[in-house]
């Protein structure tokens, strides 16, 4: 069974890009051509609109991006229709050869973590048989309930060839309120202590590519911190957030990569899918916008990596 990290490296090399397309369904911001003629806003209509929008986006970025990152909160805001649309989106991504990273930042005590891990990464026990549920390639996890809360996810990664990205240093301005607090026991900020845990958990899941299937989420809005964490986690794949709408530059993103040009994937959501300008944009204009912004992001990051040496 191939590890997630190796499949991710293969996809990056195949597409020539480390850029991940974020899928955040915001029905009110979608182009009019997606929503017109649908009739009443029933659950079925909402599900279809989201699924159709994402299929169009993925048709455009397939071959240009190695993965998509659906943000679960934006699906969940639409209730059961949103969850069904999430399942539709996962299936459509697989059909187009895109890896799927479910961004829900889940976790809880170990028994509940086992249920989350079963739902997204492994198999649920249904009437005495095992069945895959969401079956994504990777998911985001929070670490703040402690090491034991993360073990079920690591076990699922080992058993099913999946990956997790553990929240470490996020891109929002208030991330320092807790993540930067210096621990009395170590004299280091909390995020460095979590980084050590990520290193330890991921040590047994290093693939042929030299990278682990257990990595951190790091915001590129703090490039100096990102560079420090890159050095502490040399074999981890970093899920980089903050690029695009949140203001991180390509130069800041470059701090998250290793010298081999690997070791990070960079997400952009709104700046790719919702920056087409006019609600009455045509389908062709929308596709052109998504494609051009995806290529521009790829080229800007490639140039920054070249400049950083």
Protein backbone atom coordinates (compact mmCIF):
# COMPACT_ATOMS: atom_id res chain seq x y z
CA UNK A 1 0.00 0.00 0.00
CA UNK A 2 1.38 3.37 -1.05
CA UNK A 3 1.68 6.04 1.63
CA UNK A 4 -0.15 9.34 1.25
CA UNK A 5 3.10 11.30 1.21
CA UNK A 6 4.37 9.31 -1.77
CA UNK A 7 1.10 9.76 -3.66
CA UNK A 8 1.26 13.49 -2.91
CA UNK A 9 4.81 13.78 -4.25
CA UNK A 10 3.78 11.88 -7.38
CA UNK A 11 0.84 14.24 -7.93
CA UNK A 12 3.02 17.32 -7.41
CA UNK A 13 5.55 16.06 -9.95
CA UNK A 14 2.85 15.09 -12.42
CA UNK A 15 1.18 18.51 -12.32
CA UNK A 16 4.39 20.50 -11.85
CA UNK A 17 2.73 22.39 -9.04
CA UNK A 18 2.49 22.40 -5.22
CA UNK A 19 -0.67 24.54 -5.35
CA UNK A 20 -3.88 23.23 -3.78
CA UNK A 21 -7.28 24.59 -4.77
CA UNK A 22 -9.50 25.31 -1.79
CA UNK A 23 -13.19 24.53 -2.20
CA UNK A 24 -15.31 26.71 0.09
CA UNK A 25 -18.95 26.65 -1.08
CA UNK A 26 -20.51 30.11 -0.79
CA UNK A 27 -23.70 29.85 -2.80
CA UNK A 28 -24.46 33.57 -2.61
CA UNK A 29 -21.09 34.37 -4.24
CA UNK A 30 -21.26 31.83 -7.07
CA UNK A 31 -21.76 33.01 -10.67
CA UNK A 32 -25.32 33.54 -11.79
CA UNK A 33 -25.03 30.93 -14.57
CA UNK A 34 -24.53 28.22 -11.92
CA UNK A 35 -27.68 29.19 -10.02
CA UNK A 36 -30.08 30.34 -12.76
CA UNK A 37 -33.07 28.20 -13.68
CA UNK A 38 -32.83 26.05 -10.58
CA UNK A 39 -36.22 26.91 -9.11
CA UNK A 40 -36.88 26.96 -5.37
CA UNK A 41 -33.85 26.73 -3.02
CA UNK A 42 -34.59 23.20 -1.81
CA UNK A 43 -32.00 20.89 -0.30
CA UNK A 44 -31.71 19.11 -3.63
CA UNK A 45 -31.14 22.41 -5.42
CA UNK A 46 -28.47 23.54 -2.97
CA UNK A 47 -26.71 20.18 -3.27
CA UNK A 48 -26.78 20.34 -7.06
CA UNK A 49 -25.52 23.94 -7.23
CA UNK A 50 -22.55 23.22 -4.98
CA UNK A 51 -21.69 19.97 -6.75
CA UNK A 52 -21.96 21.53 -10.21
CA UNK A 53 -19.84 24.54 -9.20
CA UNK A 54 -17.11 22.33 -7.81
CA UNK A 55 -17.15 20.01 -10.81
CA UNK A 56 -16.56 23.00 -13.06
CA UNK A 57 -13.71 24.24 -10.86
CA UNK A 58 -12.13 20.78 -10.74
CA UNK A 59 -12.50 20.27 -14.48
CA UNK A 60 -10.47 23.47 -14.80
CA UNK A 61 -7.71 22.74 -12.29
CA UNK A 62 -7.31 18.99 -12.93
CA UNK A 63 -3.81 18.56 -14.31
CA UNK A 64 -2.76 21.93 -12.86
CA UNK A 65 -3.17 21.20 -9.14
CA UNK A 66 -2.25 18.06 -7.20
CA UNK A 67 -5.12 18.29 -4.72
CA UNK A 68 -8.23 20.10 -3.59
CA UNK A 69 -9.05 21.14 -0.04
CA UNK A 70 -12.77 21.25 0.75
CA UNK A 71 -13.42 23.31 3.89
CA UNK A 72 -16.08 21.40 5.81
CA UNK A 73 -17.56 24.43 7.61
CA UNK A 74 -18.72 25.88 4.31
CA UNK A 75 -20.47 22.61 3.44
CA UNK A 76 -21.94 22.14 6.92
CA UNK A 77 -23.57 25.57 6.88
CA UNK A 78 -26.04 24.11 4.35
CA UNK A 79 -26.98 21.15 6.56
CA UNK A 80 -27.62 17.74 5.06
CA UNK A 81 -27.55 19.19 1.54
CA UNK A 82 -24.04 20.46 2.20
CA UNK A 83 -22.85 17.09 3.52
CA UNK A 84 -24.26 15.37 0.44
CA UNK A 85 -22.53 17.97 -1.73
CA UNK A 86 -19.29 17.25 0.13
CA UNK A 87 -19.64 13.56 -0.73
CA UNK A 88 -20.36 14.51 -4.34
CA UNK A 89 -17.27 16.73 -4.37
CA UNK A 90 -15.00 14.01 -2.97
CA UNK A 91 -16.20 11.53 -5.59
CA UNK A 92 -15.82 14.05 -8.41
CA UNK A 93 -12.28 14.89 -7.30
CA UNK A 94 -11.27 11.24 -7.34
CA UNK A 95 -12.70 10.81 -10.82
CA UNK A 96 -10.45 13.67 -11.96
CA UNK A 97 -7.30 12.32 -10.30
CA UNK A 98 -7.20 14.99 -7.59
CA UNK A 99 -6.20 14.16 -4.02
CA UNK A 100 -8.68 15.35 -1.39
CA UNK A 101 -7.71 17.04 1.88
CA UNK A 102 -10.76 17.49 4.13
CA UNK A 103 -10.25 20.64 6.18
CA UNK A 104 -12.38 20.25 9.29
CA UNK A 105 -9.74 20.58 12.03
CA UNK A 106 -11.36 17.71 13.89
CA UNK A 107 -10.37 16.11 17.18
CA UNK A 108 -11.60 15.10 20.61
CA UNK A 109 -10.84 12.51 23.29
CA UNK A 110 -9.39 9.32 21.90
CA UNK A 111 -12.65 7.38 21.51
CA UNK A 112 -14.27 10.25 19.61
CA UNK A 113 -11.10 10.74 17.58
CA UNK A 114 -11.41 7.10 16.54
CA UNK A 115 -14.87 7.86 15.12
CA UNK A 116 -13.59 10.91 13.21
CA UNK A 117 -10.69 8.88 11.85
CA UNK A 118 -13.02 6.08 10.79
CA UNK A 119 -15.38 8.48 9.01
CA UNK A 120 -12.77 10.39 7.02
CA UNK A 121 -9.73 8.14 6.71
CA UNK A 122 -10.66 4.58 7.53
CA UNK A 123 -13.73 2.41 7.75
CA UNK A 124 -16.81 2.44 9.97
CA UNK A 125 -18.20 -0.74 11.53
CA UNK A 126 -21.73 -1.13 10.12
CA UNK A 127 -23.73 -4.25 11.02
CA UNK A 128 -20.56 -6.17 11.62
CA UNK A 129 -18.90 -5.16 8.35
CA UNK A 130 -16.39 -2.47 7.48
CA UNK A 131 -17.41 0.33 5.12
CA UNK A 132 -15.63 3.42 3.84
CA UNK A 133 -17.57 6.62 4.48
CA UNK A 134 -16.06 9.91 3.25
CA UNK A 135 -12.78 8.22 2.28
CA UNK A 136 -10.67 11.33 1.71
CA UNK A 137 -6.90 11.19 1.24
CA UNK A 138 -6.03 13.41 4.20
CA UNK A 139 -7.62 15.64 6.80
CA UNK A 140 -6.71 18.44 9.18
CA UNK A 141 -6.59 17.75 12.91
CA UNK A 142 -6.16 19.90 16.02
CA UNK A 143 -3.58 18.82 18.61
CA UNK A 144 -4.80 20.57 21.75
CA UNK A 145 -6.28 17.53 23.50
CA UNK A 146 -2.87 15.95 23.63
CA UNK A 147 -0.83 13.24 21.98
CA UNK A 148 -3.27 10.41 22.73
CA UNK A 149 -6.03 12.23 20.84
CA UNK A 150 -3.95 12.15 17.66
CA UNK A 151 -2.97 8.48 17.81
CA UNK A 152 -6.23 7.19 16.21
CA UNK A 153 -5.58 9.36 13.15
CA UNK A 154 -1.99 8.18 12.90
CA UNK A 155 -3.17 4.58 13.17
CA UNK A 156 -5.70 5.18 10.37
CA UNK A 157 -2.97 6.71 8.21
CA UNK A 158 -0.82 3.64 8.72
CA UNK A 159 -3.62 1.16 8.04
CA UNK A 160 -5.20 2.92 5.05
CA UNK A 161 -2.42 4.91 3.39
CA UNK A 162 -3.88 8.27 4.41
CA UNK A 163 -2.42 11.51 5.79
CA UNK A 164 -3.13 14.18 8.39
CA UNK A 165 -2.09 17.80 8.76
CA UNK A 166 -1.95 18.92 12.39
CA UNK A 167 -2.69 22.56 13.23
CA UNK A 168 0.59 24.13 14.33
CA UNK A 169 1.00 27.84 13.57
CA UNK A 170 -1.98 29.37 11.81
CA UNK A 171 -2.24 32.40 9.54
CA UNK A 172 -4.81 34.46 11.47
CA UNK A 173 -3.63 37.56 13.43
CA UNK A 174 -4.74 36.11 16.77
CA UNK A 175 -2.82 32.88 16.40
CA UNK A 176 -0.15 34.17 18.76
CA UNK A 177 -2.63 34.47 21.64
CA UNK A 178 -2.05 30.82 22.52
CA UNK A 179 0.24 29.23 19.95
CA UNK A 180 3.14 31.56 20.77
CA UNK A 181 2.93 31.22 24.55
CA UNK A 182 6.23 30.13 26.06
CA UNK A 183 6.00 26.95 28.09
CA UNK A 184 7.68 27.09 31.48
CA UNK A 185 8.80 23.47 31.24
CA UNK A 186 10.74 23.94 27.99
CA UNK A 187 11.27 27.67 27.57
CA UNK A 188 9.94 27.28 24.02
CA UNK A 189 6.69 28.45 22.46
CA UNK A 190 3.79 26.02 22.43
CA UNK A 191 4.00 25.56 18.66
CA UNK A 192 7.55 24.23 18.95
CA UNK A 193 6.43 21.64 21.48
CA UNK A 194 3.64 20.56 19.13
CA UNK A 195 6.17 20.44 16.29
CA UNK A 196 8.18 17.88 18.27
CA UNK A 197 5.05 15.76 18.69
CA UNK A 198 4.37 15.96 14.94
CA UNK A 199 7.93 14.83 14.28
CA UNK A 200 7.59 11.90 16.68
CA UNK A 201 4.20 10.77 15.35
CA UNK A 202 5.32 11.01 11.74
CA UNK A 203 8.63 9.24 12.13
CA UNK A 204 7.14 5.82 11.38
CA UNK A 205 5.25 6.97 8.29
CA UNK A 206 8.09 8.21 6.10
CA UNK A 207 7.70 6.94 2.56
CA UNK A 208 10.04 6.25 -0.33
CA UNK A 209 9.90 9.95 -1.18
CA UNK A 210 11.62 10.73 2.13
CA UNK A 211 8.54 12.53 3.44
CA UNK A 212 6.08 11.61 6.16
CA UNK A 213 2.31 11.36 5.85
CA UNK A 214 2.00 13.34 9.11
CA UNK A 215 2.59 17.06 8.69
CA UNK A 216 1.66 20.47 10.10
CA UNK A 217 -0.59 23.32 9.05
CA UNK A 218 1.50 26.52 8.98
CA UNK A 219 0.49 29.99 7.94
CA UNK A 220 2.80 31.77 5.51
CA UNK A 221 1.79 35.09 7.05
CA UNK A 222 4.61 34.50 9.57
CA UNK A 223 7.57 33.58 7.29
CA UNK A 224 10.27 33.74 9.98
CA UNK A 225 8.36 31.32 12.17
CA UNK A 226 7.63 29.13 9.14
CA UNK A 227 11.34 28.92 8.35
CA UNK A 228 12.10 27.89 11.92
CA UNK A 229 9.43 25.17 11.85
CA UNK A 230 10.63 23.97 8.44
CA UNK A 231 14.02 23.31 10.01
CA UNK A 232 12.44 21.45 12.94
CA UNK A 233 10.35 19.24 10.64
CA UNK A 234 12.62 18.37 7.71
CA UNK A 235 10.65 15.28 6.61
CA UNK A 236 7.13 16.65 7.08
CA UNK A 237 4.88 17.98 4.34
CA UNK A 238 3.55 21.38 5.36
CA UNK A 239 0.05 22.48 4.43
CA UNK A 240 0.60 26.19 3.90
CA UNK A 241 -2.29 28.57 4.50
CA UNK A 242 -2.70 32.32 4.18
CA UNK A 243 -1.68 32.72 0.55
CA UNK A 244 -3.89 34.95 -1.59
CA UNK A 245 -6.89 36.47 0.17
CA UNK A 246 -5.21 36.35 3.60
CA UNK A 247 -2.22 38.33 2.37
CA UNK A 248 0.76 35.96 2.48
CA UNK A 249 3.25 36.51 -0.33
CA UNK A 250 4.97 33.93 -2.51
CA UNK A 251 8.22 34.88 -0.78
CA UNK A 252 6.68 34.02 2.59
CA UNK A 253 5.45 30.72 1.21
CA UNK A 254 8.96 29.83 -0.01
CA UNK A 255 10.15 29.58 3.61
CA UNK A 256 8.01 26.46 4.01
CA UNK A 257 9.79 24.45 1.30
CA UNK A 258 12.91 22.32 1.46
CA UNK A 259 15.83 22.84 -0.87
CA UNK A 260 14.58 19.98 -3.10
CA UNK A 261 11.55 22.12 -3.99
CA UNK A 262 9.26 19.76 -2.08
CA UNK A 263 7.96 19.57 1.48
CA UNK A 264 5.01 21.94 1.18
CA UNK A 265 1.67 22.37 -0.54
CA UNK A 266 0.09 25.81 -0.71
CA UNK A 267 -3.65 26.38 -0.51
CA UNK A 268 -5.62 29.20 -2.08
CA UNK A 269 -9.41 29.29 -1.98
CA UNK A 270 -11.23 32.59 -2.49
CA UNK A 271 -8.47 34.07 -4.63
CA UNK A 272 -8.96 31.24 -7.14
CA UNK A 273 -12.67 30.51 -7.10
CA UNK A 274 -14.40 33.76 -6.10
CA UNK A 275 -12.35 36.54 -7.65
CA UNK A 276 -14.03 36.55 -11.08
CA UNK A 277 -15.44 40.02 -10.41
CA UNK A 278 -18.92 40.10 -11.89
CA UNK A 279 -21.77 37.79 -10.82
CA UNK A 280 -22.95 37.76 -14.43
CA UNK A 281 -19.66 36.38 -15.71
CA UNK A 282 -20.08 33.82 -18.49
CA UNK A 283 -19.07 30.20 -18.05
CA UNK A 284 -16.12 30.66 -20.41
CA UNK A 285 -14.99 33.80 -18.55
CA UNK A 286 -15.24 32.02 -15.21
CA UNK A 287 -13.21 29.05 -16.42
CA UNK A 288 -10.60 31.42 -17.84
CA UNK A 289 -10.41 33.28 -14.50
CA UNK A 290 -9.92 30.09 -12.46
CA UNK A 291 -7.32 28.72 -14.87
CA UNK A 292 -5.32 31.94 -15.12
CA UNK A 293 -5.27 32.50 -11.35
CA UNK A 294 -4.20 28.90 -10.78
CA UNK A 295 -1.35 29.24 -13.27
CA UNK A 296 -0.32 32.63 -11.88
CA UNK A 297 -0.13 31.22 -8.36
CA UNK A 298 1.98 28.29 -9.59
CA UNK A 299 4.35 30.59 -11.46
CA UNK A 300 4.68 33.09 -8.60
CA UNK A 301 5.59 30.35 -6.13
CA UNK A 302 8.02 28.76 -8.60
CA UNK A 303 9.73 32.12 -9.09
CA UNK A 304 9.97 32.66 -5.32
CA UNK A 305 11.49 29.23 -4.82
CA UNK A 306 14.04 29.91 -7.55
CA UNK A 307 14.91 33.27 -5.99
CA UNK A 308 15.30 31.74 -2.53
CA UNK A 309 17.93 29.39 -3.93
